[in-house]
Amino acid sequence: MDEGFGDSDLDPGSEDDGDDKAAEEAAEALEELEAEELELLEDEAAETLLVDEAAELRAIRRAELTLDADAEEIRGDEFVCSSCFLVKRISQLANKRKLICKDCAD
């Protein structure tokens, strides 16, 4: 009778071991898939970063080229404020000697 009792204890245990192994294998497979997805996402992010950086560098180069253009000459009715360095009309001149506009004089 003890032998029968011992056999019944072994059978459910062996079924649980099989379920545990299957669950562990499924968990490992899931972890592998998640790791692969994460790796793909990181690769895509790195590629996007390189493309974005290249586009940004092109935009900066274009902006630098436009800065090389010659500025227009100051007309007779304009002056450059010695404080804000903006070209203003003579009507905005607050101090003729210092060449300061009304906005900066306030």
PDB file of N, CA and C in Angstrom:
ATOM      1  N   MET A   1       0.825  -1.185   0.000  1.00  0.00           N
ATOM      2  CA  MET A   1       0.000   0.000   0.000  1.00  0.00           C
ATOM      3  C   MET A   1       0.866   1.245   0.000  1.00  0.00           C
ATOM      4  N   ASP A   2       1.986   1.172   0.695  1.00  0.00           N
ATOM      5  CA  ASP A   2       2.890   2.313   0.674  1.00  0.00           C
ATOM      6  C   ASP A   2       3.462   2.533  -0.711  1.00  0.00           C
ATOM      7  N   GLU A   3       3.658   1.422  -1.440  1.00  0.00           N
ATOM      8  CA  GLU A   3       4.215   1.552  -2.776  1.00  0.00           C
ATOM      9  C   GLU A   3       3.245   2.273  -3.697  1.00  0.00           C
ATOM     10  N   GLY A   4       1.986   1.971  -3.592  1.00  0.00           N
ATOM     11  CA  GLY A   4       0.975   2.627  -4.423  1.00  0.00           C
ATOM     12  C   GLY A   4       0.864   4.103  -4.090  1.00  0.00           C
ATOM     13  N   PHE A   5       0.976   4.400  -2.812  1.00  0.00           N
ATOM     14  CA  PHE A   5       0.894   5.795  -2.380  1.00  0.00           C
ATOM     15  C   PHE A   5       2.095   6.576  -2.900  1.00  0.00           C
ATOM     16  N   GLY A   6       3.260   5.936  -2.869  1.00  0.00           N
ATOM     17  CA  GLY A   6       4.478   6.572  -3.353  1.00  0.00           C
ATOM     18  C   GLY A   6       4.424   6.793  -4.850  1.00  0.00           C
ATOM     19  N   ASP A   7       3.819   5.862  -5.600  1.00  0.00           N
ATOM     20  CA  ASP A   7       3.724   6.007  -7.049  1.00  0.00           C
ATOM     21  C   ASP A   7       2.806   7.152  -7.427  1.00  0.00           C
ATOM     22  N   SER A   8       1.731   7.307  -6.690  1.00  0.00           N
ATOM     23  CA  SER A   8       0.800   8.391  -7.020  1.00  0.00           C
ATOM     24  C   SER A   8       1.425   9.753  -6.741  1.00  0.00           C
ATOM     25  N   ASP A   9       2.314   9.807  -5.764  1.00  0.00           N
ATOM     26  CA  ASP A   9       3.006  11.066  -5.483  1.00  0.00           C
ATOM     27  C   ASP A   9       3.980  11.413  -6.599  1.00  0.00           C
ATOM     28  N   LEU A  10       4.582  10.416  -7.215  1.00  0.00           N
ATOM     29  CA  LEU A  10       5.564  10.667  -8.259  1.00  0.00           C
ATOM     30  C   LEU A  10       4.907  11.110  -9.559  1.00  0.00           C
ATOM     31  N   ASP A  11       3.761  10.587  -9.858  1.00  0.00           N
ATOM     32  CA  ASP A  11       3.105  10.916 -11.116  1.00  0.00           C
ATOM     33  C   ASP A  11       2.721  12.394 -11.211  1.00  0.00           C
ATOM     34  N   PRO A  12       2.041  12.969 -10.221  1.00  0.00           N
ATOM     35  CA  PRO A  12       1.721  14.392 -10.342  1.00  0.00           C
ATOM     36  C   PRO A  12       2.969  15.265 -10.360  1.00  0.00           C
ATOM     37  N   GLY A  13       3.997  14.829  -9.659  1.00  0.00           N
ATOM     38  CA  GLY A  13       5.233  15.604  -9.647  1.00  0.00           C
ATOM     39  C   GLY A  13       5.878  15.627 -11.017  1.00  0.00           C
ATOM     40  N   SER A  14       5.835  14.509 -11.706  1.00  0.00           N
ATOM     41  CA  SER A  14       6.454  14.453 -13.029  1.00  0.00           C
ATOM     42  C   SER A  14       5.663  15.299 -14.023  1.00  0.00           C
ATOM     43  N   GLU A  15       4.361  15.393 -13.882  1.00  0.00           N
ATOM     44  CA  GLU A  15       3.550  16.254 -14.750  1.00  0.00           C
ATOM     45  C   GLU A  15       3.875  17.721 -14.493  1.00  0.00           C
ATOM     46  N   ASP A  16       4.059  18.089 -13.235  1.00  0.00           N
ATOM     47  CA  ASP A  16       4.401  19.466 -12.899  1.00  0.00           C
ATOM     48  C   ASP A  16       5.758  19.845 -13.474  1.00  0.00           C
ATOM     49  N   ASP A  17       6.696  18.890 -13.443  1.00  0.00           N
ATOM     50  CA  ASP A  17       8.019  19.163 -14.005  1.00  0.00           C
ATOM     51  C   ASP A  17       7.914  19.447 -15.498  1.00  0.00           C
ATOM     52  N   GLY A  18       7.070  18.701 -16.187  1.00  0.00           N
ATOM     53  CA  GLY A  18       6.875  18.917 -17.626  1.00  0.00           C
ATOM     54  C   GLY A  18       6.255  20.278 -17.896  1.00  0.00           C
ATOM     55  N   ASP A  19       5.287  20.665 -17.074  1.00  0.00           N
ATOM     56  CA  ASP A  19       4.653  21.977 -17.223  1.00  0.00           C
ATOM     57  C   ASP A  19       5.646  23.093 -16.929  1.00  0.00           C
ATOM     58  N   ASP A  20       6.478  22.890 -15.909  1.00  0.00           N
ATOM     59  CA  ASP A  20       7.479  23.896 -15.552  1.00  0.00           C
ATOM     60  C   ASP A  20       8.486  24.087 -16.680  1.00  0.00           C
ATOM     61  N   LYS A  21       8.911  22.962 -17.274  1.00  0.00           N
ATOM     62  CA  LYS A  21       9.877  23.045 -18.373  1.00  0.00           C
ATOM     63  C   LYS A  21       9.270  23.773 -19.568  1.00  0.00           C
ATOM     64  N   ALA A  22       8.026  23.464 -19.877  1.00  0.00           N
ATOM     65  CA  ALA A  22       7.353  24.113 -21.005  1.00  0.00           C
ATOM     66  C   ALA A  22       7.185  25.606 -20.738  1.00  0.00           C
ATOM     67  N   ALA A  23       6.848  25.945 -19.508  1.00  0.00           N
ATOM     68  CA  ALA A  23       6.686  27.356 -19.149  1.00  0.00           C
ATOM     69  C   ALA A  23       8.021  28.088 -19.222  1.00  0.00           C
ATOM     70  N   GLU A  24       9.087  27.421 -18.768  1.00  0.00           N
ATOM     71  CA  GLU A  24      10.420  28.031 -18.827  1.00  0.00           C
ATOM     72  C   GLU A  24      10.859  28.244 -20.270  1.00  0.00           C
ATOM     73  N   GLU A  25      10.597  27.240 -21.134  1.00  0.00           N
ATOM     74  CA  GLU A  25      10.961  27.362 -22.545  1.00  0.00           C
ATOM     75  C   GLU A  25      10.174  28.487 -23.209  1.00  0.00           C
ATOM     76  N   ALA A  26       8.903  28.597 -22.881  1.00  0.00           N
ATOM     77  CA  ALA A  26       8.074  29.663 -23.441  1.00  0.00           C
ATOM     78  C   ALA A  26       8.567  31.028 -22.971  1.00  0.00           C
ATOM     79  N   ALA A  27       8.945  31.116 -21.708  1.00  0.00           N
ATOM     80  CA  ALA A  27       9.452  32.380 -21.168  1.00  0.00           C
ATOM     81  C   ALA A  27      10.774  32.756 -21.830  1.00  0.00           C
ATOM     82  N   GLU A  28      11.640  31.756 -22.042  1.00  0.00           N
ATOM     83  CA  GLU A  28      12.923  32.021 -22.703  1.00  0.00           C
ATOM     84  C   GLU A  28      12.711  32.476 -24.141  1.00  0.00           C
ATOM     85  N   ALA A  29      11.781  31.818 -24.837  1.00  0.00           N
ATOM     86  CA  ALA A  29      11.488  32.197 -26.221  1.00  0.00           C
ATOM     87  C   ALA A  29      10.938  33.619 -26.278  1.00  0.00           C
ATOM     88  N   LEU A  30      10.081  33.951 -25.337  1.00  0.00           N
ATOM     89  CA  LEU A  30       9.516  35.297 -25.282  1.00  0.00           C
ATOM     90  C   LEU A  30      10.599  36.333 -25.009  1.00  0.00           C
ATOM     91  N   GLU A  31      11.500  36.015 -24.099  1.00  0.00           N
ATOM     92  CA  GLU A  31      12.604  36.931 -23.788  1.00  0.00           C
ATOM     93  C   GLU A  31      13.504  37.135 -25.000  1.00  0.00           C
ATOM     94  N   GLU A  32      13.755  36.056 -25.757  1.00  0.00           N
ATOM     95  CA  GLU A  32      14.577  36.168 -26.965  1.00  0.00           C
ATOM     96  C   GLU A  32      13.904  37.072 -27.992  1.00  0.00           C
ATOM     97  N   LEU A  33      12.599  36.889 -28.185  1.00  0.00           N
ATOM     98  CA  LEU A  33      11.857  37.733 -29.127  1.00  0.00           C
ATOM     99  C   LEU A  33      11.886  39.194 -28.698  1.00  0.00           C
ATOM    100  N   GLU A  34      11.685  39.432 -27.413  1.00  0.00           N
ATOM    101  CA  GLU A  34      11.714  40.803 -26.905  1.00  0.00           C
ATOM    102  C   GLU A  34      13.092  41.430 -27.093  1.00  0.00           C
ATOM    103  N   ALA A  35      14.140  40.645 -26.879  1.00  0.00           N
ATOM    104  CA  ALA A  35      15.503  41.151 -27.064  1.00  0.00           C
ATOM    105  C   ALA A  35      15.754  41.490 -28.530  1.00  0.00           C
ATOM    106  N   GLU A  36      15.270  40.636 -29.445  1.00  0.00           N
ATOM    107  CA  GLU A  36      15.429  40.906 -30.875  1.00  0.00           C
ATOM    108  C   GLU A  36      14.671  42.166 -31.279  1.00  0.00           C
ATOM    109  N   GLU A  37      13.441  42.329 -30.787  1.00  0.00           N
ATOM    110  CA  GLU A  37      12.654  43.521 -31.093  1.00  0.00           C
ATOM    111  C   GLU A  37      13.340  44.779 -30.571  1.00  0.00           C
ATOM    112  N   LEU A  38      13.854  44.705 -29.365  1.00  0.00           N
ATOM    113  CA  LEU A  38      14.551  45.844 -28.778  1.00  0.00           C
ATOM    114  C   LEU A  38      15.781  46.200 -29.604  1.00  0.00           C
ATOM    115  N   GLU A  39      16.503  45.190 -30.048  1.00  0.00           N
ATOM    116  CA  GLU A  39      17.696  45.410 -30.873  1.00  0.00           C
ATOM    117  C   GLU A  39      17.313  46.076 -32.194  1.00  0.00           C
ATOM    118  N   LEU A  40      16.216  45.616 -32.811  1.00  0.00           N
ATOM    119  CA  LEU A  40      15.753  46.222 -34.063  1.00  0.00           C
ATOM    120  C   LEU A  40      15.345  47.670 -33.850  1.00  0.00           C
ATOM    121  N   LEU A  41      14.646  47.940 -32.762  1.00  0.00           N
ATOM    122  CA  LEU A  41      14.226  49.308 -32.471  1.00  0.00           C
ATOM    123  C   LEU A  41      15.422  50.215 -32.247  1.00  0.00           C
ATOM    124  N   GLU A  42      16.438  49.713 -31.547  1.00  0.00           N
ATOM    125  CA  GLU A  42      17.640  50.513 -31.305  1.00  0.00           C
ATOM    126  C   GLU A  42      18.374  50.787 -32.611  1.00  0.00           C
ATOM    127  N   ASP A  43      18.424  49.783 -33.503  1.00  0.00           N
ATOM    128  CA  ASP A  43      19.068  49.973 -34.803  1.00  0.00           C
ATOM    129  C   ASP A  43      18.330  51.023 -35.621  1.00  0.00           C
ATOM    130  N   GLU A  44      16.991  50.958 -35.631  1.00  0.00           N
ATOM    131  CA  GLU A  44      16.195  51.940 -36.365  1.00  0.00           C
ATOM    132  C   GLU A  44      16.402  53.334 -35.793  1.00  0.00           C
ATOM    133  N   ALA A  45      16.467  53.445 -34.482  1.00  0.00           N
ATOM    134  CA  ALA A  45      16.676  54.748 -33.849  1.00  0.00           C
ATOM    135  C   ALA A  45      18.041  55.303 -34.225  1.00  0.00           C
ATOM    136  N   ALA A  46      19.054  54.454 -34.272  1.00  0.00           N
ATOM    137  CA  ALA A  46      20.399  54.902 -34.639  1.00  0.00           C
ATOM    138  C   ALA A  46      20.431  55.357 -36.091  1.00  0.00           C
ATOM    139  N   GLU A  47      19.750  54.618 -36.982  1.00  0.00           N
ATOM    140  CA  GLU A  47      19.702  55.013 -38.388  1.00  0.00           C
ATOM    141  C   GLU A  47      18.962  56.327 -38.544  1.00  0.00           C
ATOM    142  N   THR A  48      17.859  56.487 -37.839  1.00  0.00           N
ATOM    143  CA  THR A  48      17.090  57.721 -37.907  1.00  0.00           C
ATOM    144  C   THR A  48      17.925  58.886 -37.410  1.00  0.00           C
ATOM    145  N   LEU A  49      18.683  58.671 -36.356  1.00  0.00           N
ATOM    146  CA  LEU A  49      19.532  59.716 -35.808  1.00  0.00           C
ATOM    147  C   LEU A  49      20.553  60.160 -36.842  1.00  0.00           C
ATOM    148  N   LEU A  50      21.167  59.208 -37.547  1.00  0.00           N
ATOM    149  CA  LEU A  50      22.146  59.552 -38.573  1.00  0.00           C
ATOM    150  C   LEU A  50      21.507  60.346 -39.700  1.00  0.00           C
ATOM    151  N   VAL A  51      20.314  59.956 -40.119  1.00  0.00           N
ATOM    152  CA  VAL A  51      19.616  60.673 -41.183  1.00  0.00           C
ATOM    153  C   VAL A  51      19.251  62.067 -40.708  1.00  0.00           C
ATOM    154  N   ASP A  52      18.740  62.182 -39.484  1.00  0.00           N
ATOM    155  CA  ASP A  52      18.376  63.484 -38.937  1.00  0.00           C
ATOM    156  C   ASP A  52      19.596  64.383 -38.810  1.00  0.00           C
ATOM    157  N   GLU A  53      20.725  63.823 -38.369  1.00  0.00           N
ATOM    158  CA  GLU A  53      21.942  64.619 -38.234  1.00  0.00           C
ATOM    159  C   GLU A  53      22.424  65.105 -39.589  1.00  0.00           C
ATOM    160  N   ALA A  54      22.339  64.262 -40.613  1.00  0.00           N
ATOM    161  CA  ALA A  54      22.772  64.652 -41.953  1.00  0.00           C
ATOM    162  C   ALA A  54      21.888  65.774 -42.484  1.00  0.00           C
ATOM    163  N   ALA A  55      20.585  65.669 -42.272  1.00  0.00           N
ATOM    164  CA  ALA A  55      19.669  66.718 -42.720  1.00  0.00           C
ATOM    165  C   ALA A  55      19.944  68.020 -41.979  1.00  0.00           C
ATOM    166  N   GLU A  56      20.223  67.917 -40.700  1.00  0.00           N
ATOM    167  CA  GLU A  56      20.517  69.104 -39.901  1.00  0.00           C
ATOM    168  C   GLU A  56      21.817  69.767 -40.360  1.00  0.00           C
ATOM    169  N   LEU A  57      22.822  68.966 -40.657  1.00  0.00           N
ATOM    170  CA  LEU A  57      24.092  69.516 -41.148  1.00  0.00           C
ATOM    171  C   LEU A  57      23.911  70.216 -42.490  1.00  0.00           C
ATOM    172  N   ARG A  58      23.096  69.636 -43.369  1.00  0.00           N
ATOM    173  CA  ARG A  58      22.829  70.297 -44.657  1.00  0.00           C
ATOM    174  C   ARG A  58      22.139  71.630 -44.443  1.00  0.00           C
ATOM    175  N   ALA A  59      21.185  71.677 -43.525  1.00  0.00           N
ATOM    176  CA  ALA A  59      20.477  72.929 -43.246  1.00  0.00           C
ATOM    177  C   ALA A  59      21.431  73.980 -42.690  1.00  0.00           C
ATOM    178  N   ILE A  60      22.346  73.574 -41.832  1.00  0.00           N
ATOM    179  CA  ILE A  60      23.324  74.515 -41.268  1.00  0.00           C
ATOM    180  C   ILE A  60      24.238  75.039 -42.365  1.00  0.00           C
ATOM    181  N   ARG A  61      24.686  74.154 -43.257  1.00  0.00           N
ATOM    182  CA  ARG A  61      25.559  74.591 -44.359  1.00  0.00           C
ATOM    183  C   ARG A  61      24.848  75.588 -45.259  1.00  0.00           C
ATOM    184  N   ARG A  62      23.572  75.313 -45.560  1.00  0.00           N
ATOM    185  CA  ARG A  62      22.804  76.253 -46.396  1.00  0.00           C
ATOM    186  C   ARG A  62      22.683  77.605 -45.706  1.00  0.00           C
ATOM    187  N   ALA A  63      22.432  77.583 -44.405  1.00  0.00           N
ATOM    188  CA  ALA A  63      22.306  78.838 -43.659  1.00  0.00           C
ATOM    189  C   ALA A  63      23.626  79.598 -43.665  1.00  0.00           C
ATOM    190  N   GLU A  64      24.732  78.886 -43.546  1.00  0.00           N
ATOM    191  CA  GLU A  64      26.041  79.544 -43.581  1.00  0.00           C
ATOM    192  C   GLU A  64      26.303  80.172 -44.939  1.00  0.00           C
ATOM    193  N   LEU A  65      25.885  79.508 -45.996  1.00  0.00           N
ATOM    194  CA  LEU A  65      26.081  80.061 -47.336  1.00  0.00           C
ATOM    195  C   LEU A  65      25.281  81.342 -47.531  1.00  0.00           C
ATOM    196  N   THR A  66      24.092  81.390 -46.960  1.00  0.00           N
ATOM    197  CA  THR A  66      23.286  82.604 -47.103  1.00  0.00           C
ATOM    198  C   THR A  66      23.866  83.744 -46.277  1.00  0.00           C
ATOM    199  N   LEU A  67      24.624  83.424 -45.234  1.00  0.00           N
ATOM    200  CA  LEU A  67      25.251  84.472 -44.431  1.00  0.00           C
ATOM    201  C   LEU A  67      26.404  85.138 -45.170  1.00  0.00           C
ATOM    202  N   ASP A  68      26.947  84.452 -46.165  1.00  0.00           N
ATOM    203  CA  ASP A  68      28.056  85.013 -46.923  1.00  0.00           C
ATOM    204  C   ASP A  68      27.614  86.119 -47.881  1.00  0.00           C
ATOM    205  N   ALA A  69      26.316  86.302 -48.046  1.00  0.00           N
ATOM    206  CA  ALA A  69      25.813  87.327 -48.961  1.00  0.00           C
ATOM    207  C   ALA A  69      26.173  88.711 -48.432  1.00  0.00           C
ATOM    208  N   ASP A  70      26.442  89.611 -49.343  1.00  0.00           N
ATOM    209  CA  ASP A  70      26.794  90.978 -48.954  1.00  0.00           C
ATOM    210  C   ASP A  70      25.569  91.717 -48.438  1.00  0.00           C
ATOM    211  N   ALA A  71      25.788  92.511 -47.420  1.00  0.00           N
ATOM    212  CA  ALA A  71      24.708  93.316 -46.852  1.00  0.00           C
ATOM    213  C   ALA A  71      24.487  94.542 -47.729  1.00  0.00           C
ATOM    214  N   GLU A  72      23.282  95.026 -47.703  1.00  0.00           N
ATOM    215  CA  GLU A  72      22.988  96.234 -48.475  1.00  0.00           C
ATOM    216  C   GLU A  72      23.645  97.429 -47.806  1.00  0.00           C
ATOM    217  N   GLU A  73      23.978  98.397 -48.596  1.00  0.00           N
ATOM    218  CA  GLU A  73      24.570  99.626 -48.074  1.00  0.00           C
ATOM    219  C   GLU A  73      23.514 100.419 -47.306  1.00  0.00           C
ATOM    220  N   ILE A  74      23.963 101.139 -46.299  1.00  0.00           N
ATOM    221  CA  ILE A  74      23.055 101.982 -45.516  1.00  0.00           C
ATOM    222  C   ILE A  74      22.725 103.215 -46.351  1.00  0.00           C
ATOM    223  N   ARG A  75      21.452 103.517 -46.449  1.00  0.00           N
ATOM    224  CA  ARG A  75      21.018 104.696 -47.206  1.00  0.00           C
ATOM    225  C   ARG A  75      21.240 105.954 -46.374  1.00  0.00           C
ATOM    226  N   GLY A  76      21.081 107.063 -46.992  1.00  0.00           N
ATOM    227  CA  GLY A  76      21.306 108.349 -46.329  1.00  0.00           C
ATOM    228  C   GLY A  76      20.341 108.635 -45.197  1.00  0.00           C
ATOM    229  N   ASP A  77      19.144 108.062 -45.235  1.00  0.00           N
ATOM    230  CA  ASP A  77      18.153 108.317 -44.182  1.00  0.00           C
ATOM    231  C   ASP A  77      18.149 107.213 -43.122  1.00  0.00           C
ATOM    232  N   GLU A  78      19.233 106.411 -43.037  1.00  0.00           N
ATOM    233  CA  GLU A  78      19.330 105.332 -42.058  1.00  0.00           C
ATOM    234  C   GLU A  78      20.630 105.444 -41.259  1.00  0.00           C
ATOM    235  N   PHE A  79      20.661 104.787 -40.113  1.00  0.00           N
ATOM    236  CA  PHE A  79      21.869 104.711 -39.288  1.00  0.00           C
ATOM    237  C   PHE A  79      21.881 103.367 -38.566  1.00  0.00           C
ATOM    238  N   VAL A  80      23.039 102.967 -38.056  1.00  0.00           N
ATOM    239  CA  VAL A  80      23.166 101.736 -37.273  1.00  0.00           C
ATOM    240  C   VAL A  80      23.287 102.137 -35.812  1.00  0.00           C
ATOM    241  N   CYS A  81      22.366 101.652 -35.000  1.00  0.00           N
ATOM    242  CA  CYS A  81      22.384 101.952 -33.569  1.00  0.00           C
ATOM    243  C   CYS A  81      23.627 101.324 -32.946  1.00  0.00           C
ATOM    244  N   SER A  82      24.358 102.092 -32.162  1.00  0.00           N
ATOM    245  CA  SER A  82      25.578 101.581 -31.536  1.00  0.00           C
ATOM    246  C   SER A  82      25.288 100.683 -30.334  1.00  0.00           C
ATOM    247  N   SER A  83      24.028 100.586 -29.921  1.00  0.00           N
ATOM    248  CA  SER A  83      23.667  99.736 -28.793  1.00  0.00           C
ATOM    249  C   SER A  83      23.093  98.391 -29.260  1.00  0.00           C
ATOM    250  N   CYS A  84      22.090  98.419 -30.133  1.00  0.00           N
ATOM    251  CA  CYS A  84      21.448  97.180 -30.583  1.00  0.00           C
ATOM    252  C   CYS A  84      21.922  96.728 -31.963  1.00  0.00           C
ATOM    253  N   PHE A  85      22.683  97.567 -32.653  1.00  0.00           N
ATOM    254  CA  PHE A  85      23.265  97.267 -33.964  1.00  0.00           C
ATOM    255  C   PHE A  85      22.229  97.009 -35.052  1.00  0.00           C
ATOM    256  N   LEU A  86      21.036  97.559 -34.888  1.00  0.00           N
ATOM    257  CA  LEU A  86      20.013  97.466 -35.918  1.00  0.00           C
ATOM    258  C   LEU A  86      20.070  98.696 -36.807  1.00  0.00           C
ATOM    259  N   VAL A  87      19.701  98.505 -38.071  1.00  0.00           N
ATOM    260  CA  VAL A  87      19.613  99.639 -38.994  1.00  0.00           C
ATOM    261  C   VAL A  87      18.252 100.285 -38.774  1.00  0.00           C
ATOM    262  N   LYS A  88      18.276 101.561 -38.439  1.00  0.00           N
ATOM    263  CA  LYS A  88      17.041 102.304 -38.138  1.00  0.00           C
ATOM    264  C   LYS A  88      16.967 103.537 -39.022  1.00  0.00           C
ATOM    265  N   ARG A  89      15.782 104.083 -39.140  1.00  0.00           N
ATOM    266  CA  ARG A  89      15.584 105.349 -39.858  1.00  0.00           C
ATOM    267  C   ARG A  89      16.073 106.497 -38.982  1.00  0.00           C
ATOM    268  N   ILE A  90      16.445 107.558 -39.608  1.00  0.00           N
ATOM    269  CA  ILE A  90      16.931 108.748 -38.890  1.00  0.00           C
ATOM    270  C   ILE A  90      15.867 109.255 -37.915  1.00  0.00           C
ATOM    271  N   SER A  91      14.590 109.053 -38.234  1.00  0.00           N
ATOM    272  CA  SER A  91      13.523 109.503 -37.335  1.00  0.00           C
ATOM    273  C   SER A  91      13.570 108.766 -35.993  1.00  0.00           C
ATOM    274  N   GLN A  92      14.238 107.616 -35.914  1.00  0.00           N
ATOM    275  CA  GLN A  92      14.379 106.847 -34.676  1.00  0.00           C
ATOM    276  C   GLN A  92      15.627 107.226 -33.879  1.00  0.00           C
ATOM    277  N   LEU A  93      16.415 108.175 -34.384  1.00  0.00           N
ATOM    278  CA  LEU A  93      17.670 108.572 -33.739  1.00  0.00           C
ATOM    279  C   LEU A  93      17.389 109.380 -32.475  1.00  0.00           C
ATOM    280  N   ALA A  94      17.898 108.924 -31.351  1.00  0.00           N
ATOM    281  CA  ALA A  94      17.697 109.616 -30.076  1.00  0.00           C
ATOM    282  C   ALA A  94      18.898 110.496 -29.745  1.00  0.00           C
ATOM    283  N   ASN A  95      20.110 110.064 -30.078  1.00  0.00           N
ATOM    284  CA  ASN A  95      21.324 110.809 -29.757  1.00  0.00           C
ATOM    285  C   ASN A  95      22.235 110.772 -30.982  1.00  0.00           C
ATOM    286  N   LYS A  96      22.395 111.932 -31.649  1.00  0.00           N
ATOM    287  CA  LYS A  96      23.187 111.984 -32.887  1.00  0.00           C
ATOM    288  C   LYS A  96      24.658 111.693 -32.626  1.00  0.00           C
ATOM    289  N   ARG A  97      25.186 112.140 -31.517  1.00  0.00           N
ATOM    290  CA  ARG A  97      26.605 111.955 -31.222  1.00  0.00           C
ATOM    291  C   ARG A  97      26.920 110.484 -30.925  1.00  0.00           C
ATOM    292  N   LYS A  98      26.081 109.802 -30.140  1.00  0.00           N
ATOM    293  CA  LYS A  98      26.314 108.403 -29.761  1.00  0.00           C
ATOM    294  C   LYS A  98      25.702 107.415 -30.752  1.00  0.00           C
ATOM    295  N   LEU A  99      24.881 107.900 -31.673  1.00  0.00           N
ATOM    296  CA  LEU A  99      24.155 107.056 -32.634  1.00  0.00           C
ATOM    297  C   LEU A  99      23.363 105.950 -31.921  1.00  0.00           C
ATOM    298  N   ILE A 100      22.467 106.379 -31.042  1.00  0.00           N
ATOM    299  CA  ILE A 100      21.611 105.455 -30.296  1.00  0.00           C
ATOM    300  C   ILE A 100      20.166 105.698 -30.707  1.00  0.00           C
ATOM    301  N   CYS A 101      19.426 104.606 -30.929  1.00  0.00           N
ATOM    302  CA  CYS A 101      18.022 104.727 -31.320  1.00  0.00           C
ATOM    303  C   CYS A 101      17.158 105.042 -30.096  1.00  0.00           C
ATOM    304  N   LYS A 102      15.917 105.432 -30.363  1.00  0.00           N
ATOM    305  CA  LYS A 102      14.992 105.786 -29.282  1.00  0.00           C
ATOM    306  C   LYS A 102      14.671 104.585 -28.395  1.00  0.00           C
ATOM    307  N   ASP A 103      14.613 103.404 -28.972  1.00  0.00           N
ATOM    308  CA  ASP A 103      14.316 102.198 -28.181  1.00  0.00           C
ATOM    309  C   ASP A 103      15.407 101.923 -27.148  1.00  0.00           C
ATOM    310  N   CYS A 104      16.667 102.102 -27.536  1.00  0.00           N
ATOM    311  CA  CYS A 104      17.787 101.830 -26.624  1.00  0.00           C
ATOM    312  C   CYS A 104      18.004 102.976 -25.637  1.00  0.00           C
ATOM    313  N   ALA A 105      17.593 104.169 -25.990  1.00  0.00           N
ATOM    314  CA  ALA A 105      17.794 105.323 -25.115  1.00  0.00           C
ATOM    315  C   ALA A 105      16.845 105.281 -23.921  1.00  0.00           C
ATOM    316  N   ASP A 106      15.728 104.580 -24.040  1.00  0.00           N
ATOM    317  CA  ASP A 106      14.734 104.521 -22.948  1.00  0.00           C
ATOM    318  C   ASP A 106      15.163 103.688 -21.815  1.00  0.00           C
TER     319      ASP A 106
END
